[in-house]
């Protein structure tokens, strides 16, 4: 269970709406379990001769250059170097060595996708073979791309897709970290144990599927863990897992979870990665914003339903004066009865949520009605008025909430709420 303490970051004022851009391969490449209309949006197949630095930043040193205590906040014993990450024959190899560098007895490598691969929701997947031996701690995990939204670790969240300790080679762990800033953080874990063999003997596929209000863990396509409950002192549920996160891939030596290597640990040791892939729900008419599904144990009347989704957004240009014209936001509501789809009726409400002078700021709510196909549009000028109100109040804008207020009285067993940004 990784405990990474991050230095407080300055809050970025968010004055314009931007939604997650999805681009990638066709849905024929999809390899998802429960994410509908799944598309590959980012991948590294490691087909070159060196780490692709347009996709990965190679982090070096002990963590102090990144605002962390020495040992990367986990009392790790390695010094990270660029030359410990190599690419050849379609594989990324991260090598841990016993060698003295800058007062440390071990070296290894750590990569992240911050700024080149940041996502809200999706399936994140890696095929890899583990090292073996006491004190080895490889991980495939995610951190928030802008921790200032909800605060320092772990109020800002962490998703551990796969953690492994080399002294227990038949077992891996999937974890989320959340709650309040360290040391008042909490975590929830699930684990998976191989029935035969160990993770250092062959390649295995490790993945999460992250959707609004739910995170699921997989090994070789086997679903072994689900989390739906968490909280953050920095904002309302589903915070902190409703904003952009990036991938971290590393092989630590020593640290809080595995302990130090001993005389039985041989070096060098290698984490060998075949690929890393990210899938997301395909855009319907433009750029996907967010999606939410609600399932009911028994049929309920639509007029009693109040379903909502949240999505995070930020100023990608990192300029407070980078005003962008918000494009119209479109949404659809699909309802499923006991045996077939039923017509969804009712209204959708859109609200912007942010902060002002240390307090939560909430815009007015604009409403629109669903048409007879269950679709609705929010007018760009109405959304712009909400953003102008935020500017006038000197408020940040951090999240968008779209809520469905059911009508019609028909009984349904499932409701799907989808929103996307209309193309220019």
Protein backbone atom coordinates (compact mmCIF):
# COMPACT_ATOMS: atom_id res chain seq x y z
CA UNK A 1 0.00 0.00 0.00
CA UNK A 2 1.90 2.97 -1.31
CA UNK A 3 1.99 6.09 0.84
CA UNK A 4 3.10 9.01 -1.27
CA UNK A 5 3.06 12.38 0.47
CA UNK A 6 2.89 15.17 -2.04
CA UNK A 7 3.94 18.74 -1.38
CA UNK A 8 1.04 21.24 -1.40
CA UNK A 9 0.50 22.72 -4.85
CA UNK A 10 -0.73 26.19 -5.70
CA UNK A 11 -4.37 26.26 -6.71
CA UNK A 12 -4.89 26.95 -10.39
CA UNK A 13 -7.80 29.27 -11.16
CA UNK A 14 -10.11 27.52 -13.54
CA UNK A 15 -12.15 29.92 -15.59
CA UNK A 16 -13.20 27.96 -18.61
CA UNK A 17 -14.76 24.66 -19.50
CA UNK A 18 -12.81 21.94 -21.24
CA UNK A 19 -13.85 18.32 -21.48
CA UNK A 20 -11.78 15.22 -21.98
CA UNK A 21 -10.55 14.75 -25.54
CA UNK A 22 -10.79 11.24 -26.84
CA UNK A 23 -8.80 10.19 -29.86
CA UNK A 24 -7.46 6.82 -30.84
CA UNK A 25 -8.09 3.57 -32.60
CA UNK A 26 -11.39 2.11 -33.62
CA UNK A 27 -13.75 0.29 -31.31
CA UNK A 28 -12.66 -2.94 -32.99
CA UNK A 29 -9.57 -2.72 -30.79
CA UNK A 30 -11.67 -2.63 -27.60
CA UNK A 31 -10.77 -5.02 -24.76
CA UNK A 32 -13.07 -3.88 -21.96
CA UNK A 33 -15.30 -5.81 -19.58
CA UNK A 34 -18.13 -3.42 -18.66
CA UNK A 35 -17.26 -0.13 -20.36
CA UNK A 36 -19.66 0.30 -23.25
CA UNK A 37 -18.47 1.45 -26.71
CA UNK A 38 -14.90 0.93 -25.57
CA UNK A 39 -12.05 2.38 -27.65
CA UNK A 40 -8.29 2.31 -27.35
CA UNK A 41 -7.25 5.95 -26.79
CA UNK A 42 -3.57 5.66 -25.76
CA UNK A 43 -0.95 2.95 -25.78
CA UNK A 44 2.74 2.18 -25.77
CA UNK A 45 3.68 -1.13 -27.39
CA UNK A 46 7.42 -0.41 -26.82
CA UNK A 47 8.35 -1.03 -30.43
CA UNK A 48 11.28 1.40 -30.55
CA UNK A 49 14.81 1.32 -29.15
CA UNK A 50 14.36 3.73 -26.23
CA UNK A 51 11.67 5.07 -23.92
CA UNK A 52 9.27 7.31 -25.87
CA UNK A 53 9.57 10.59 -23.99
CA UNK A 54 6.58 12.02 -25.82
CA UNK A 55 4.55 9.55 -23.74
CA UNK A 56 6.63 9.08 -20.59
CA UNK A 57 8.59 11.34 -18.29
CA UNK A 58 11.50 9.45 -16.73
CA UNK A 59 11.69 10.57 -13.10
CA UNK A 60 15.11 10.50 -11.48
CA UNK A 61 16.65 10.82 -8.04
CA UNK A 62 15.15 10.27 -4.61
CA UNK A 63 11.90 12.26 -4.81
CA UNK A 64 13.18 15.52 -3.33
CA UNK A 65 13.23 17.16 -6.78
CA UNK A 66 9.47 16.51 -6.96
CA UNK A 67 8.51 17.93 -3.57
CA UNK A 68 8.64 14.59 -1.75
CA UNK A 69 10.74 13.39 1.18
CA UNK A 70 13.84 11.37 0.24
CA UNK A 71 12.77 7.82 -0.47
CA UNK A 72 9.71 9.03 -2.47
CA UNK A 73 7.62 9.32 0.70
CA UNK A 74 7.84 5.54 1.21
CA UNK A 75 11.37 5.10 2.66
CA UNK A 76 12.51 3.49 -0.58
CA UNK A 77 16.19 2.59 -0.90
CA UNK A 78 16.83 3.11 -4.62
CA UNK A 79 18.11 6.02 -6.70
CA UNK A 80 16.11 6.29 -9.94
CA UNK A 81 18.10 6.70 -13.16
CA UNK A 82 17.26 7.04 -16.86
CA UNK A 83 19.54 4.19 -17.98
CA UNK A 84 17.68 1.66 -15.82
CA UNK A 85 14.72 1.85 -18.24
CA UNK A 86 15.44 0.29 -21.64
CA UNK A 87 13.36 -0.65 -24.69
CA UNK A 88 14.19 -3.50 -27.05
CA UNK A 89 12.41 -6.30 -28.92
CA UNK A 90 8.97 -4.86 -28.16
CA UNK A 91 9.52 -4.77 -24.39
CA UNK A 92 10.18 -2.14 -21.75
CA UNK A 93 12.60 -3.42 -19.11
CA UNK A 94 13.04 -1.65 -15.78
CA UNK A 95 16.13 -3.03 -14.07
CA UNK A 96 16.93 -2.80 -10.36
CA UNK A 97 20.65 -3.08 -9.62
CA UNK A 98 22.76 -3.26 -6.50
CA UNK A 99 25.11 -0.32 -7.10
CA UNK A 100 26.12 2.78 -5.16
CA UNK A 101 24.89 6.11 -6.56
CA UNK A 102 24.65 9.38 -4.60
CA UNK A 103 24.72 7.58 -1.26
CA UNK A 104 22.14 4.94 -2.23
CA UNK A 105 22.93 1.23 -2.53
CA UNK A 106 20.43 0.42 -5.30
CA UNK A 107 19.27 1.93 -8.60
CA UNK A 108 16.09 1.46 -10.63
CA UNK A 109 13.68 3.48 -12.82
CA UNK A 110 10.34 5.26 -12.55
CA UNK A 111 8.16 6.60 -15.42
CA UNK A 112 4.97 8.65 -15.51
CA UNK A 113 2.58 10.01 -18.15
CA UNK A 114 1.82 13.37 -16.49
CA UNK A 115 1.02 15.95 -19.17
CA UNK A 116 1.09 13.42 -22.00
CA UNK A 117 -1.42 10.89 -20.71
CA UNK A 118 -4.08 12.19 -18.29
CA UNK A 119 -7.54 10.65 -18.11
CA UNK A 120 -10.81 10.75 -16.20
CA UNK A 121 -12.29 7.22 -16.26
CA UNK A 122 -11.43 4.30 -18.50
CA UNK A 123 -9.64 0.96 -18.53
CA UNK A 124 -5.93 1.11 -17.78
CA UNK A 125 -4.09 -2.10 -18.62
CA UNK A 126 -0.54 -3.50 -18.55
CA UNK A 127 0.90 -6.86 -19.61
CA UNK A 128 4.05 -7.59 -17.65
CA UNK A 129 6.30 -10.10 -15.90
CA UNK A 130 7.39 -9.42 -12.32
CA UNK A 131 10.81 -9.68 -10.63
CA UNK A 132 11.28 -11.94 -7.58
CA UNK A 133 13.03 -11.53 -4.22
CA UNK A 134 12.61 -9.83 -0.89
CA UNK A 135 12.61 -6.02 -1.00
CA UNK A 136 11.36 -5.68 -4.61
CA UNK A 137 8.25 -3.53 -5.08
CA UNK A 138 7.03 -2.99 -8.67
CA UNK A 139 3.81 -1.02 -9.16
CA UNK A 140 1.45 0.11 -11.92
CA UNK A 141 -0.58 2.95 -10.43
CA UNK A 142 -2.19 6.36 -10.89
CA UNK A 143 -1.98 9.78 -9.25
CA UNK A 144 -4.06 12.95 -9.76
CA UNK A 145 -2.67 15.21 -12.48
CA UNK A 146 -3.69 18.34 -10.55
CA UNK A 147 -3.62 17.55 -6.80
CA UNK A 148 -4.54 21.14 -5.97
CA UNK A 149 -8.17 20.34 -6.81
CA UNK A 150 -8.76 18.24 -3.69
CA UNK A 151 -5.60 18.78 -1.66
CA UNK A 152 -2.43 16.91 -0.79
CA UNK A 153 -2.14 13.12 -0.64
CA UNK A 154 -4.36 11.25 -0.01
CA UNK A 155 -7.28 13.72 -0.09
CA UNK A 156 -6.48 13.95 -3.81
CA UNK A 157 -6.60 10.16 -4.23
CA UNK A 158 -4.44 7.36 -5.59
CA UNK A 159 -5.38 4.28 -7.64
CA UNK A 160 -3.02 1.31 -7.38
CA UNK A 161 -3.81 -0.88 -10.37
CA UNK A 162 -1.21 -3.46 -9.39
CA UNK A 163 1.23 -3.69 -6.48
CA UNK A 164 3.46 -6.68 -5.86
CA UNK A 165 6.18 -7.60 -3.38
CA UNK A 166 8.90 -9.92 -4.59
CA UNK A 167 8.87 -12.06 -1.45
CA UNK A 168 5.25 -13.09 -2.15
CA UNK A 169 5.33 -13.87 -5.89
CA UNK A 170 1.92 -15.54 -6.13
CA UNK A 171 -0.05 -12.48 -4.94
CA UNK A 172 -0.87 -8.97 -6.20
CA UNK A 173 -2.88 -6.19 -4.58
CA UNK A 174 -5.19 -3.46 -5.95
CA UNK A 175 -5.84 -0.44 -3.72
CA UNK A 176 -7.36 3.03 -3.56
CA UNK A 177 -6.04 5.70 -1.17
CA UNK A 178 -8.34 8.56 -0.17
CA UNK A 179 -9.74 10.49 2.82
CA UNK A 180 -7.79 13.38 4.34
CA UNK A 181 -4.20 14.55 3.87
CA UNK A 182 -1.52 12.31 5.39
CA UNK A 183 -1.41 11.10 8.17
CA UNK A 184 -5.23 11.03 8.26
CA UNK A 185 -5.50 9.07 5.03
CA UNK A 186 -7.24 5.71 4.59
CA UNK A 187 -7.17 2.96 1.99
CA UNK A 188 -9.23 0.03 0.68
CA UNK A 189 -7.65 -3.05 -0.94
CA UNK A 190 -8.46 -6.26 -2.77
CA UNK A 191 -5.97 -9.01 -3.53
CA UNK A 192 -5.58 -11.80 -6.05
CA UNK A 193 -3.56 -15.00 -5.66
CA UNK A 194 -2.57 -17.30 -8.50
CA UNK A 195 -3.80 -20.87 -8.20
CA UNK A 196 -0.68 -22.14 -9.98
CA UNK A 197 2.73 -20.63 -10.60
CA UNK A 198 3.92 -17.13 -9.75
CA UNK A 199 3.92 -13.70 -11.36
CA UNK A 200 7.67 -13.82 -12.08
CA UNK A 201 7.40 -16.95 -14.25
CA UNK A 202 5.26 -15.57 -17.08
CA UNK A 203 3.46 -12.49 -18.38
CA UNK A 204 0.09 -11.51 -16.93
CA UNK A 205 -2.41 -8.71 -17.73
CA UNK A 206 -3.25 -6.29 -14.91
CA UNK A 207 -6.07 -3.74 -15.30
CA UNK A 208 -8.63 -1.48 -13.69
CA UNK A 209 -11.90 -0.26 -15.13
CA UNK A 210 -12.65 3.11 -13.59
CA UNK A 211 -16.13 4.58 -14.02
CA UNK A 212 -18.09 7.24 -12.11
CA UNK A 213 -18.67 5.83 -8.62
CA UNK A 214 -16.99 2.45 -9.28
CA UNK A 215 -13.46 1.05 -9.75
CA UNK A 216 -12.91 -2.62 -10.69
CA UNK A 217 -9.67 -4.66 -10.67
CA UNK A 218 -8.71 -7.49 -13.06
CA UNK A 219 -5.95 -10.06 -13.57
CA UNK A 220 -5.90 -11.92 -16.89
CA UNK A 221 -9.52 -10.88 -17.44
CA UNK A 222 -10.64 -12.16 -14.03
CA UNK A 223 -12.55 -9.54 -12.04
CA UNK A 224 -11.32 -9.81 -8.44
CA UNK A 225 -12.16 -6.52 -6.73
CA UNK A 226 -14.65 -3.63 -6.79
CA UNK A 227 -14.75 -0.37 -4.80
CA UNK A 228 -17.73 1.98 -4.79
CA UNK A 229 -17.27 3.81 -1.49
CA UNK A 230 -14.67 6.45 -0.66
CA UNK A 231 -14.49 10.10 0.39
CA UNK A 232 -12.26 13.15 0.29
CA UNK A 233 -11.91 16.02 2.73
CA UNK A 234 -11.36 18.19 -0.35
CA UNK A 235 -14.78 17.78 -1.96
CA UNK A 236 -18.06 15.86 -2.17
CA UNK A 237 -18.39 12.31 -3.47
CA UNK A 238 -17.35 11.05 -5.99
CA UNK A 239 -14.25 13.10 -5.15
CA UNK A 240 -11.37 12.45 -5.41
CA UNK A 241 -11.92 9.93 -8.22
CA UNK A 242 -13.68 12.21 -10.70
CA UNK A 243 -10.78 14.24 -12.11
CA UNK A 244 -7.79 13.52 -14.36
CA UNK A 245 -5.19 10.99 -13.21
CA UNK A 246 -1.95 9.89 -14.88
CA UNK A 247 -0.06 6.57 -14.84
CA UNK A 248 3.07 5.83 -12.82
CA UNK A 249 5.18 2.74 -13.54
CA UNK A 250 8.15 1.90 -11.33
CA UNK A 251 10.24 -0.77 -9.63
CA UNK A 252 11.10 0.30 -6.09
CA UNK A 253 13.71 -1.38 -3.91
CA UNK A 254 12.89 -1.50 -0.21
CA UNK A 255 10.29 0.75 1.35
CA UNK A 256 7.39 0.56 3.75
CA UNK A 257 5.56 -2.33 2.08
CA UNK A 258 8.26 -4.90 1.15
CA UNK A 259 11.05 -4.08 3.62
CA UNK A 260 14.71 -4.10 2.63
CA UNK A 261 16.36 -6.72 0.43
CA UNK A 262 18.32 -9.40 2.27
CA UNK A 263 21.02 -11.93 1.42
CA UNK A 264 18.52 -14.07 -0.48
CA UNK A 265 17.72 -11.30 -3.01
CA UNK A 266 19.78 -11.55 -6.18
CA UNK A 267 20.47 -8.58 -8.45
CA UNK A 268 19.89 -7.42 -11.11
CA UNK A 269 16.11 -7.89 -11.11
CA UNK A 270 13.74 -6.83 -13.89
CA UNK A 271 10.17 -5.68 -14.38
CA UNK A 272 9.46 -6.51 -18.03
CA UNK A 273 6.48 -4.79 -19.70
CA UNK A 274 4.95 -5.90 -23.00
CA UNK A 275 2.49 -2.99 -23.32
CA UNK A 276 0.49 -0.33 -21.51
CA UNK A 277 -2.96 0.55 -22.92
CA UNK A 278 -5.79 2.91 -22.02
CA UNK A 279 -9.38 2.45 -23.23
CA UNK A 280 -12.35 4.76 -22.80
CA UNK A 281 -16.01 4.90 -23.76
CA UNK A 282 -16.31 6.11 -27.35
CA UNK A 283 -17.71 9.57 -28.02
CA UNK A 284 -21.18 9.49 -29.52
CA UNK A 285 -21.37 12.82 -31.30
CA UNK A 286 -18.22 14.56 -30.16
CA UNK A 287 -15.93 14.47 -27.15
CA UNK A 288 -17.07 12.30 -24.26
CA UNK A 289 -17.56 14.21 -21.02
CA UNK A 290 -18.81 11.62 -18.58
CA UNK A 291 -21.15 8.70 -18.19
CA UNK A 292 -23.08 7.17 -15.31
CA UNK A 293 -25.19 4.07 -14.91
CA UNK A 294 -27.70 3.32 -12.17
CA UNK A 295 -29.01 -0.22 -11.66
CA UNK A 296 -31.95 -1.01 -9.40
CA UNK A 297 -32.60 -4.20 -7.41
CA UNK A 298 -36.24 -3.95 -8.43
CA UNK A 299 -38.14 -1.85 -10.94
CA UNK A 300 -38.70 1.74 -9.82
CA UNK A 301 -40.77 4.54 -11.31
CA UNK A 302 -38.82 6.96 -13.45
CA UNK A 303 -40.47 9.99 -11.94
CA UNK A 304 -38.82 9.14 -8.61
CA UNK A 305 -35.31 8.89 -10.03
CA UNK A 306 -32.71 11.58 -9.40
CA UNK A 307 -29.50 10.37 -11.05
CA UNK A 308 -26.42 12.56 -11.47
CA UNK A 309 -22.94 12.47 -12.95
CA UNK A 310 -19.86 14.57 -12.29
CA UNK A 311 -16.84 15.32 -14.40
CA UNK A 312 -13.73 17.34 -13.62
CA UNK A 313 -12.20 19.89 -15.90
CA UNK A 314 -9.32 22.35 -15.86
CA UNK A 315 -7.53 24.97 -17.89
CA UNK A 316 -5.26 22.83 -20.05
CA UNK A 317 -3.42 25.90 -21.35
CA UNK A 318 -2.42 26.79 -17.75
CA UNK A 319 -3.40 30.39 -18.41
CA UNK A 320 -5.96 32.18 -16.28
CA UNK A 321 -6.76 34.47 -19.21
CA UNK A 322 -7.06 31.57 -21.70
CA UNK A 323 -10.79 32.05 -22.17
CA UNK A 324 -12.37 29.40 -24.41
CA UNK A 325 -15.84 29.54 -25.90
CA UNK A 326 -17.76 26.63 -24.33
CA UNK A 327 -19.34 24.39 -26.93
CA UNK A 328 -22.81 23.05 -26.41
CA UNK A 329 -23.07 20.12 -24.04
CA UNK A 330 -25.36 17.30 -25.20
CA UNK A 331 -26.68 14.50 -23.05
CA UNK A 332 -28.84 11.43 -23.42
CA UNK A 333 -30.78 9.34 -20.95
CA UNK A 334 -31.47 5.68 -21.72
CA UNK A 335 -33.90 3.70 -19.62
CA UNK A 336 -34.32 -0.07 -19.48
CA UNK A 337 -37.55 -1.72 -18.35
CA UNK A 338 -37.96 -5.29 -17.23
CA UNK A 339 -37.83 -6.62 -20.80
CA UNK A 340 -36.96 -3.75 -23.14
CA UNK A 341 -35.91 -0.12 -23.46
CA UNK A 342 -38.48 2.52 -22.53
CA UNK A 343 -38.78 6.18 -23.51
CA UNK A 344 -36.98 8.45 -21.03
CA UNK A 345 -38.76 11.69 -20.20
CA UNK A 346 -37.94 14.51 -17.86
CA UNK A 347 -35.39 17.29 -17.42
CA UNK A 348 -31.64 17.63 -17.14
CA UNK A 349 -30.02 20.26 -14.93
CA UNK A 350 -26.45 21.56 -15.32
CA UNK A 351 -24.54 23.17 -12.44
CA UNK A 352 -20.92 24.33 -12.19
CA UNK A 353 -19.15 23.63 -8.88
CA UNK A 354 -15.97 25.30 -7.64
CA UNK A 355 -14.54 27.40 -4.87
CA UNK A 356 -14.38 30.99 -3.71
CA UNK A 357 -12.37 32.33 -0.74
CA UNK A 358 -11.98 28.86 0.72
CA UNK A 359 -15.67 27.99 0.39
CA UNK A 360 -17.62 25.92 -2.09
CA UNK A 361 -19.03 27.97 -4.96
CA UNK A 362 -22.07 26.73 -6.89
CA UNK A 363 -23.52 28.30 -10.01
CA UNK A 364 -27.17 28.63 -10.82
CA UNK A 365 -28.68 25.57 -12.50
CA UNK A 366 -29.80 25.67 -16.10
CA UNK A 367 -32.36 23.13 -17.28
CA UNK A 368 -33.35 21.54 -20.53
CA UNK A 369 -35.91 18.90 -21.44
CA UNK A 370 -35.33 15.54 -23.08
CA UNK A 371 -36.81 15.05 -26.51
CA UNK A 372 -38.75 11.92 -27.48
CA UNK A 373 -35.49 10.07 -28.13
CA UNK A 374 -34.11 10.84 -24.69
CA UNK A 375 -31.63 13.46 -25.94
CA UNK A 376 -31.06 17.03 -24.76
CA UNK A 377 -28.73 19.97 -25.45
CA UNK A 378 -27.55 22.75 -23.17
CA UNK A 379 -27.30 26.04 -25.08
CA UNK A 380 -23.76 27.43 -25.29
CA UNK A 381 -24.88 30.95 -24.34
CA UNK A 382 -26.51 29.65 -21.15
CA UNK A 383 -23.37 27.73 -20.16
CA UNK A 384 -21.33 30.86 -20.93
CA UNK A 385 -23.51 32.87 -18.55
CA UNK A 386 -22.64 30.45 -15.74
CA UNK A 387 -18.93 30.83 -16.48
CA UNK A 388 -19.26 34.63 -16.62
CA UNK A 389 -20.91 34.52 -13.20
CA UNK A 390 -17.92 32.58 -11.86
CA UNK A 391 -15.56 35.24 -13.21
CA UNK A 392 -17.58 38.00 -11.63
CA UNK A 393 -17.52 36.17 -8.28
CA UNK A 394 -13.74 35.47 -8.61
CA UNK A 395 -14.56 31.77 -8.21
CA UNK A 396 -12.66 28.76 -9.49
CA UNK A 397 -14.53 26.15 -11.51
CA UNK A 398 -13.57 22.55 -10.81
CA UNK A 399 -16.45 20.24 -11.70
CA UNK A 400 -19.63 20.04 -13.69
CA UNK A 401 -22.74 18.27 -12.40
CA UNK A 402 -25.49 17.06 -14.71
CA UNK A 403 -28.58 15.71 -12.92
CA UNK A 404 -31.55 13.86 -14.36
CA UNK A 405 -34.94 14.49 -12.79
CA UNK A 406 -37.13 11.62 -13.95
CA UNK A 407 -40.67 11.96 -15.22
CA UNK A 408 -43.25 9.79 -16.93
CA UNK A 409 -43.90 7.23 -14.24
CA UNK A 410 -42.76 4.16 -16.21
CA UNK A 411 -40.92 1.50 -14.25
CA UNK A 412 -37.26 0.91 -15.09
CA UNK A 413 -34.49 -1.38 -13.89
CA UNK A 414 -31.52 0.55 -15.29
CA UNK A 415 -30.77 4.15 -16.23
CA UNK A 416 -27.78 5.36 -18.29
CA UNK A 417 -26.83 9.03 -18.38
CA UNK A 418 -24.26 10.10 -21.00
CA UNK A 419 -22.88 13.56 -21.82
CA UNK A 420 -20.53 14.71 -24.56
CA UNK A 421 -19.21 17.95 -26.04
CA UNK A 422 -20.58 18.82 -29.47
CA UNK A 423 -17.91 19.29 -32.16
CA UNK A 424 -17.39 22.75 -33.67
